[in-house]
Amino acid sequence: MGAEDSLVRYVVREVSGGRHLADVMQDPYITNRSDQVDSRRLLDRPEVIAAVGDDVLDDLRSKLGLK
């Protein structure tokens, strides 16, 4: 497993735990281990997209009273 895989797991875990992606991407764990290009690549990973998509849908459901 590479460093990028570790970052992906971290992002997915944090977002799945209820944190917003923008906040997670500013964590020292991310910023100390990646540059801007690496961070962009993280956002293209299917695991991250899926985790963020679920988070956005959950927020929308809550706002619409559908949860």
PDB file of N, CA and C in Angstrom:
ATOM      1  N   MET A   1       0.846  -1.194   0.000  1.00  0.00           N
ATOM      2  CA  MET A   1       0.000   0.000   0.000  1.00  0.00           C
ATOM      3  C   MET A   1       0.879   1.242   0.000  1.00  0.00           C
ATOM      4  N   GLY A   2       0.496   2.188  -0.825  1.00  0.00           N
ATOM      5  CA  GLY A   2       1.278   3.389  -0.955  1.00  0.00           C
ATOM      6  C   GLY A   2       0.792   4.510  -0.061  1.00  0.00           C
ATOM      7  N   ALA A   3       1.538   5.589  -0.089  1.00  0.00           N
ATOM      8  CA  ALA A   3       1.188   6.756   0.721  1.00  0.00           C
ATOM      9  C   ALA A   3      -0.162   7.336   0.295  1.00  0.00           C
ATOM     10  N   GLU A   4      -0.430   7.325  -1.002  1.00  0.00           N
ATOM     11  CA  GLU A   4      -1.702   7.868  -1.475  1.00  0.00           C
ATOM     12  C   GLU A   4      -2.875   7.041  -0.954  1.00  0.00           C
ATOM     13  N   ASP A   5      -2.705   5.732  -0.905  1.00  0.00           N
ATOM     14  CA  ASP A   5      -3.768   4.876  -0.374  1.00  0.00           C
ATOM     15  C   ASP A   5      -4.050   5.193   1.091  1.00  0.00           C
ATOM     16  N   SER A   6      -3.011   5.487   1.848  1.00  0.00           N
ATOM     17  CA  SER A   6      -3.189   5.858   3.258  1.00  0.00           C
ATOM     18  C   SER A   6      -3.965   7.167   3.380  1.00  0.00           C
ATOM     19  N   LEU A   7      -3.653   8.108   2.508  1.00  0.00           N
ATOM     20  CA  LEU A   7      -4.369   9.384   2.522  1.00  0.00           C
ATOM     21  C   LEU A   7      -5.828   9.196   2.139  1.00  0.00           C
ATOM     22  N   VAL A   8      -6.076   8.343   1.157  1.00  0.00           N
ATOM     23  CA  VAL A   8      -7.453   8.067   0.742  1.00  0.00           C
ATOM     24  C   VAL A   8      -8.232   7.455   1.906  1.00  0.00           C
ATOM     25  N   ARG A   9      -7.648   6.481   2.566  1.00  0.00           N
ATOM     26  CA  ARG A   9      -8.334   5.850   3.704  1.00  0.00           C
ATOM     27  C   ARG A   9      -8.639   6.877   4.795  1.00  0.00           C
ATOM     28  N   TYR A  10      -7.699   7.776   5.046  1.00  0.00           N
ATOM     29  CA  TYR A  10      -7.901   8.815   6.056  1.00  0.00           C
ATOM     30  C   TYR A  10      -9.065   9.726   5.670  1.00  0.00           C
ATOM     31  N   VAL A  11      -9.065  10.196   4.429  1.00  0.00           N
ATOM     32  CA  VAL A  11     -10.120  11.100   3.973  1.00  0.00           C
ATOM     33  C   VAL A  11     -11.479  10.413   4.056  1.00  0.00           C
ATOM     34  N   VAL A  12     -11.563   9.192   3.568  1.00  0.00           N
ATOM     35  CA  VAL A  12     -12.831   8.461   3.585  1.00  0.00           C
ATOM     36  C   VAL A  12     -13.310   8.252   5.019  1.00  0.00           C
ATOM     37  N   ARG A  13     -12.415   7.870   5.901  1.00  0.00           N
ATOM     38  CA  ARG A  13     -12.780   7.647   7.309  1.00  0.00           C
ATOM     39  C   ARG A  13     -13.304   8.928   7.955  1.00  0.00           C
ATOM     40  N   GLU A  14     -12.624  10.034   7.730  1.00  0.00           N
ATOM     41  CA  GLU A  14     -13.026  11.291   8.351  1.00  0.00           C
ATOM     42  C   GLU A  14     -14.349  11.808   7.791  1.00  0.00           C
ATOM     43  N   VAL A  15     -14.504  11.739   6.478  1.00  0.00           N
ATOM     44  CA  VAL A  15     -15.752  12.200   5.850  1.00  0.00           C
ATOM     45  C   VAL A  15     -16.908  11.292   6.267  1.00  0.00           C
ATOM     46  N   SER A  16     -16.655   9.997   6.312  1.00  0.00           N
ATOM     47  CA  SER A  16     -17.687   9.054   6.743  1.00  0.00           C
ATOM     48  C   SER A  16     -18.063   9.268   8.202  1.00  0.00           C
ATOM     49  N   GLY A  17     -17.136   9.830   8.963  1.00  0.00           N
ATOM     50  CA  GLY A  17     -17.386  10.128  10.372  1.00  0.00           C
ATOM     51  C   GLY A  17     -18.135  11.440  10.589  1.00  0.00           C
ATOM     52  N   GLY A  18     -18.460  12.127   9.498  1.00  0.00           N
ATOM     53  CA  GLY A  18     -19.273  13.325   9.615  1.00  0.00           C
ATOM     54  C   GLY A  18     -18.561  14.645   9.380  1.00  0.00           C
ATOM     55  N   ARG A  19     -17.266  14.601   9.105  1.00  0.00           N
ATOM     56  CA  ARG A  19     -16.537  15.847   8.857  1.00  0.00           C
ATOM     57  C   ARG A  19     -16.696  16.272   7.405  1.00  0.00           C
ATOM     58  N   HIS A  20     -16.609  17.562   7.167  1.00  0.00           N
ATOM     59  CA  HIS A  20     -16.692  18.101   5.812  1.00  0.00           C
ATOM     60  C   HIS A  20     -15.347  17.923   5.111  1.00  0.00           C
ATOM     61  N   LEU A  21     -15.420  17.640   3.823  1.00  0.00           N
ATOM     62  CA  LEU A  21     -14.216  17.385   3.040  1.00  0.00           C
ATOM     63  C   LEU A  21     -13.230  18.545   3.105  1.00  0.00           C
ATOM     64  N   ALA A  22     -13.715  19.771   3.025  1.00  0.00           N
ATOM     65  CA  ALA A  22     -12.818  20.936   3.057  1.00  0.00           C
ATOM     66  C   ALA A  22     -12.006  20.967   4.348  1.00  0.00           C
ATOM     67  N   ASP A  23     -12.638  20.618   5.458  1.00  0.00           N
ATOM     68  CA  ASP A  23     -11.923  20.591   6.741  1.00  0.00           C
ATOM     69  C   ASP A  23     -10.893  19.468   6.766  1.00  0.00           C
ATOM     70  N   VAL A  24     -11.273  18.313   6.269  1.00  0.00           N
ATOM     71  CA  VAL A  24     -10.365  17.157   6.263  1.00  0.00           C
ATOM     72  C   VAL A  24      -9.136  17.456   5.409  1.00  0.00           C
ATOM     73  N   MET A  25      -9.348  18.089   4.264  1.00  0.00           N
ATOM     74  CA  MET A  25      -8.234  18.371   3.363  1.00  0.00           C
ATOM     75  C   MET A  25      -7.243  19.376   3.954  1.00  0.00           C
ATOM     76  N   GLN A  26      -7.635  20.085   4.992  1.00  0.00           N
ATOM     77  CA  GLN A  26      -6.746  21.035   5.646  1.00  0.00           C
ATOM     78  C   GLN A  26      -6.048  20.451   6.869  1.00  0.00           C
ATOM     79  N   ASP A  27      -6.362  19.211   7.204  1.00  0.00           N
ATOM     80  CA  ASP A  27      -5.718  18.553   8.342  1.00  0.00           C
ATOM     81  C   ASP A  27      -4.220  18.422   8.099  1.00  0.00           C
ATOM     82  N   PRO A  28      -3.428  18.577   9.136  1.00  0.00           N
ATOM     83  CA  PRO A  28      -1.978  18.388   8.988  1.00  0.00           C
ATOM     84  C   PRO A  28      -1.610  17.011   8.425  1.00  0.00           C
ATOM     85  N   TYR A  29      -2.389  15.994   8.750  1.00  0.00           N
ATOM     86  CA  TYR A  29      -2.102  14.660   8.201  1.00  0.00           C
ATOM     87  C   TYR A  29      -2.090  14.692   6.676  1.00  0.00           C
ATOM     88  N   ILE A  30      -2.966  15.471   6.090  1.00  0.00           N
ATOM     89  CA  ILE A  30      -3.027  15.584   4.628  1.00  0.00           C
ATOM     90  C   ILE A  30      -1.979  16.567   4.122  1.00  0.00           C
ATOM     91  N   THR A  31      -1.954  17.755   4.700  1.00  0.00           N
ATOM     92  CA  THR A  31      -1.069  18.803   4.181  1.00  0.00           C
ATOM     93  C   THR A  31       0.412  18.467   4.345  1.00  0.00           C
ATOM     94  N   ASN A  32       0.758  17.709   5.360  1.00  0.00           N
ATOM     95  CA  ASN A  32       2.158  17.337   5.565  1.00  0.00           C
ATOM     96  C   ASN A  32       2.607  16.205   4.645  1.00  0.00           C
ATOM     97  N   ARG A  33       1.664  15.504   4.052  1.00  0.00           N
ATOM     98  CA  ARG A  33       2.000  14.336   3.247  1.00  0.00           C
ATOM     99  C   ARG A  33       1.673  14.487   1.763  1.00  0.00           C
ATOM    100  N   SER A  34       1.154  15.639   1.378  1.00  0.00           N
ATOM    101  CA  SER A  34       0.793  15.813  -0.032  1.00  0.00           C
ATOM    102  C   SER A  34       0.959  17.268  -0.445  1.00  0.00           C
ATOM    103  N   ASP A  35       1.213  17.442  -1.735  1.00  0.00           N
ATOM    104  CA  ASP A  35       1.230  18.799  -2.279  1.00  0.00           C
ATOM    105  C   ASP A  35      -0.099  19.035  -2.996  1.00  0.00           C
ATOM    106  N   GLN A  36      -0.224  20.141  -3.679  1.00  0.00           N
ATOM    107  CA  GLN A  36      -1.487  20.492  -4.325  1.00  0.00           C
ATOM    108  C   GLN A  36      -1.884  19.475  -5.398  1.00  0.00           C
ATOM    109  N   VAL A  37      -0.915  18.992  -6.135  1.00  0.00           N
ATOM    110  CA  VAL A  37      -1.196  18.007  -7.180  1.00  0.00           C
ATOM    111  C   VAL A  37      -1.680  16.699  -6.558  1.00  0.00           C
ATOM    112  N   ASP A  38      -1.015  16.269  -5.488  1.00  0.00           N
ATOM    113  CA  ASP A  38      -1.435  15.045  -4.801  1.00  0.00           C
ATOM    114  C   ASP A  38      -2.853  15.191  -4.255  1.00  0.00           C
ATOM    115  N   SER A  39      -3.156  16.354  -3.706  1.00  0.00           N
ATOM    116  CA  SER A  39      -4.488  16.586  -3.152  1.00  0.00           C
ATOM    117  C   SER A  39      -5.553  16.523  -4.241  1.00  0.00           C
ATOM    118  N   ARG A  40      -5.249  17.075  -5.389  1.00  0.00           N
ATOM    119  CA  ARG A  40      -6.201  16.997  -6.511  1.00  0.00           C
ATOM    120  C   ARG A  40      -6.430  15.547  -6.925  1.00  0.00           C
ATOM    121  N   ARG A  41      -5.348  14.782  -6.940  1.00  0.00           N
ATOM    122  CA  ARG A  41      -5.467  13.371  -7.311  1.00  0.00           C
ATOM    123  C   ARG A  41      -6.324  12.613  -6.300  1.00  0.00           C
ATOM    124  N   LEU A  42      -6.194  12.959  -5.024  1.00  0.00           N
ATOM    125  CA  LEU A  42      -7.025  12.326  -3.991  1.00  0.00           C
ATOM    126  C   LEU A  42      -8.505  12.535  -4.282  1.00  0.00           C
ATOM    127  N   LEU A  43      -8.840  13.739  -4.721  1.00  0.00           N
ATOM    128  CA  LEU A  43     -10.246  14.070  -4.964  1.00  0.00           C
ATOM    129  C   LEU A  43     -10.811  13.342  -6.177  1.00  0.00           C
ATOM    130  N   ASP A  44      -9.937  12.792  -7.006  1.00  0.00           N
ATOM    131  CA  ASP A  44     -10.383  12.029  -8.172  1.00  0.00           C
ATOM    132  C   ASP A  44     -10.553  10.543  -7.881  1.00  0.00           C
ATOM    133  N   ARG A  45     -10.145  10.110  -6.701  1.00  0.00           N
ATOM    134  CA  ARG A  45     -10.240   8.694  -6.371  1.00  0.00           C
ATOM    135  C   ARG A  45     -11.695   8.286  -6.135  1.00  0.00           C
ATOM    136  N   PRO A  46     -12.120   7.166  -6.695  1.00  0.00           N
ATOM    137  CA  PRO A  46     -13.517   6.731  -6.564  1.00  0.00           C
ATOM    138  C   PRO A  46     -13.978   6.579  -5.115  1.00  0.00           C
ATOM    139  N   GLU A  47     -13.078   6.145  -4.242  1.00  0.00           N
ATOM    140  CA  GLU A  47     -13.454   5.965  -2.836  1.00  0.00           C
ATOM    141  C   GLU A  47     -13.815   7.294  -2.185  1.00  0.00           C
ATOM    142  N   VAL A  48     -13.049   8.325  -2.508  1.00  0.00           N
ATOM    143  CA  VAL A  48     -13.297   9.652  -1.945  1.00  0.00           C
ATOM    144  C   VAL A  48     -14.581  10.222  -2.536  1.00  0.00           C
ATOM    145  N   ILE A  49     -14.756  10.075  -3.831  1.00  0.00           N
ATOM    146  CA  ILE A  49     -15.971  10.576  -4.483  1.00  0.00           C
ATOM    147  C   ILE A  49     -17.206   9.922  -3.873  1.00  0.00           C
ATOM    148  N   ALA A  50     -17.144   8.624  -3.658  1.00  0.00           N
ATOM    149  CA  ALA A  50     -18.281   7.912  -3.068  1.00  0.00           C
ATOM    150  C   ALA A  50     -18.564   8.402  -1.653  1.00  0.00           C
ATOM    151  N   ALA A  51     -17.532   8.592  -0.850  1.00  0.00           N
ATOM    152  CA  ALA A  51     -17.715   9.042   0.529  1.00  0.00           C
ATOM    153  C   ALA A  51     -18.293  10.453   0.577  1.00  0.00           C
ATOM    154  N   VAL A  52     -17.806  11.328  -0.274  1.00  0.00           N
ATOM    155  CA  VAL A  52     -18.300  12.703  -0.308  1.00  0.00           C
ATOM    156  C   VAL A  52     -19.722  12.740  -0.843  1.00  0.00           C
ATOM    157  N   GLY A  53     -20.013  11.932  -1.842  1.00  0.00           N
ATOM    158  CA  GLY A  53     -21.364  11.872  -2.391  1.00  0.00           C
ATOM    159  C   GLY A  53     -22.372  11.464  -1.340  1.00  0.00           C
ATOM    160  N   ASP A  54     -22.035  10.462  -0.544  1.00  0.00           N
ATOM    161  CA  ASP A  54     -22.921  10.024   0.534  1.00  0.00           C
ATOM    162  C   ASP A  54     -23.123  11.139   1.549  1.00  0.00           C
ATOM    163  N   ASP A  55     -22.054  11.860   1.855  1.00  0.00           N
ATOM    164  CA  ASP A  55     -22.115  12.960   2.821  1.00  0.00           C
ATOM    165  C   ASP A  55     -23.042  14.065   2.313  1.00  0.00           C
ATOM    166  N   VAL A  56     -22.907  14.407   1.047  1.00  0.00           N
ATOM    167  CA  VAL A  56     -23.745  15.456   0.458  1.00  0.00           C
ATOM    168  C   VAL A  56     -25.206  15.022   0.449  1.00  0.00           C
ATOM    169  N   LEU A  57     -25.459  13.778   0.078  1.00  0.00           N
ATOM    170  CA  LEU A  57     -26.836  13.279   0.076  1.00  0.00           C
ATOM    171  C   LEU A  57     -27.435  13.257   1.482  1.00  0.00           C
ATOM    172  N   ASP A  58     -26.655  12.855   2.463  1.00  0.00           N
ATOM    173  CA  ASP A  58     -27.143  12.848   3.843  1.00  0.00           C
ATOM    174  C   ASP A  58     -27.497  14.259   4.312  1.00  0.00           C
ATOM    175  N   ASP A  59     -26.645  15.236   3.980  1.00  0.00           N
ATOM    176  CA  ASP A  59     -26.935  16.632   4.342  1.00  0.00           C
ATOM    177  C   ASP A  59     -28.229  17.104   3.688  1.00  0.00           C
ATOM    178  N   LEU A  60     -28.393  16.788   2.419  1.00  0.00           N
ATOM    179  CA  LEU A  60     -29.591  17.202   1.697  1.00  0.00           C
ATOM    180  C   LEU A  60     -30.834  16.547   2.283  1.00  0.00           C
ATOM    181  N   ARG A  61     -30.744  15.260   2.584  1.00  0.00           N
ATOM    182  CA  ARG A  61     -31.894  14.568   3.187  1.00  0.00           C
ATOM    183  C   ARG A  61     -32.276  15.208   4.529  1.00  0.00           C
ATOM    184  N   SER A  62     -31.267  15.547   5.325  1.00  0.00           N
ATOM    185  CA  SER A  62     -31.527  16.184   6.612  1.00  0.00           C
ATOM    186  C   SER A  62     -32.227  17.534   6.432  1.00  0.00           C
ATOM    187  N   LYS A  63     -31.737  18.324   5.489  1.00  0.00           N
ATOM    188  CA  LYS A  63     -32.314  19.642   5.257  1.00  0.00           C
ATOM    189  C   LYS A  63     -33.743  19.553   4.741  1.00  0.00           C
ATOM    190  N   LEU A  64     -34.047  18.483   4.009  1.00  0.00           N
ATOM    191  CA  LEU A  64     -35.390  18.309   3.462  1.00  0.00           C
ATOM    192  C   LEU A  64     -36.305  17.513   4.393  1.00  0.00           C
ATOM    193  N   GLY A  65     -35.765  17.094   5.531  1.00  0.00           N
ATOM    194  CA  GLY A  65     -36.567  16.334   6.490  1.00  0.00           C
ATOM    195  C   GLY A  65     -36.849  14.925   6.013  1.00  0.00           C
ATOM    196  N   LEU A  66     -35.988  14.377   5.213  1.00  0.00           N
ATOM    197  CA  LEU A  66     -36.207  13.035   4.662  1.00  0.00           C
ATOM    198  C   LEU A  66     -35.394  11.962   5.377  1.00  0.00           C
ATOM    199  N   LYS A  67     -34.753  12.306   6.428  1.00  0.00           N
ATOM    200  CA  LYS A  67     -33.890  11.357   7.109  1.00  0.00           C
ATOM    201  C   LYS A  67     -34.573  10.720   8.270  1.00  0.00           C
TER     202      LYS A  67
END
